[in-house]
Amino acid sequence: MKKQTTFRKTIEKVWKNRAAIVIAIAATVFMCGLTALEFVALRMEWNLPVLAYVTGDSDSYIFEEYRSDEMKLDESTENVMLEEDMLQGESQSENSGKDITQGESQSEDDIVPGEGKNENVRQEDTVQGENQQEKDSQQSASDEAEFPYYIKVNRRQNCITVYTSDENGEYTVPYKAMICSTGLYNATPCGTFHLSTKYLWRELYGKVYGQYATRITGGVLFHSVPYYKKSKSALCTEKYNKLGQQASMGCVRLTVEDAKWIADNCPSGTTVEIYEDDDPGPLGKPEAAHIDTDSPNKGWDPTDPDVENPWHQLSDDE
């Protein structure tokens, strides 16, 4: 009897609180469905404006999860560091020069066994001193103009304005404008950051690759529109045609030309300000060429300066 009474009381309590229980269940189902929709929308790059109001800003846990996964790709063996690539070329040139110098030195030693060596040592000391002075001079000049540009990314308008300094050293002179794609649903964080690591090729989230990637902060980078594989002829054409609107998981996508310009001209430490404004900026918002998905050249970014880019051949023919 006691068990039956206890069970009956439990049922009565549940019945009395049925409205609250139904609401709790409905809210749970709604949140699960919303999370699933958000995840699918991000993966498929669906631009659903209503989600921007629901998901909040770039501090959403889904975006943080993405940035965490993006950071793990720093260890990918597919990555090619831009600095390393340049240094390898310089190292090979230096080694070639050393081989020539060594060959000349050996020839002189054969002709004048004693005096030649001493003369070579004195000349080498003189050259090293001159080289050191030249390096010190270059370093001094570099320090004076360490950061020639200031980059402002308008997250709302999906465009970039690069500024250079005026006579007072303030970055007030608009120099260059670029079209871009920032993160869907405001996945690209607003704030002030500084450029750091640079890559010639970098593996990106989703097993795709970007050219001329430059880190803004954490898992957020400037880079070209993604490629299906590490090949300049494997461009994700549909993603390229989305330049000018939010489309990424948080990174800032650019044309190859613009991504390369930042990598080449903006040293590590350059300030990047990401903000929101209805005004695209003093130089306006550029337009990117639309790629016909039926074109035989659709796998190439039209702005890629590579000599094998078939778009350049078409321009030359015209």
Foldseek 3Di string as FASTA:
>chain_A
DVVVVVVVVVVVVCVVCVVVVVVVVVVVVVVVVLVVVVVVCQVVQPQDPVVLVVQDAQVRVVLVVQLVVLLVLVPPPQFAFPVVVVVVVVVVVVVVVVVVVVVVLVVQCVVPVPPSVVVVVVVVVVVVVVVVVVVVVVVVVCVVCVFQWAWEAAQAQQKIWIFGADPVRDRDHTDDMFWKAFARSNSADFDKFWKDTWTQKTQGPPRWIWGTWIDGDRSAIETAQTANDPDQLRHPQVSVQCTRYHGHSGYIHGQHLVSVCCSPPGDTGHMYGYHHDPANDPVGHDDADRDDPPDPRSSHRLNPPPPPRVNVVVVVVD
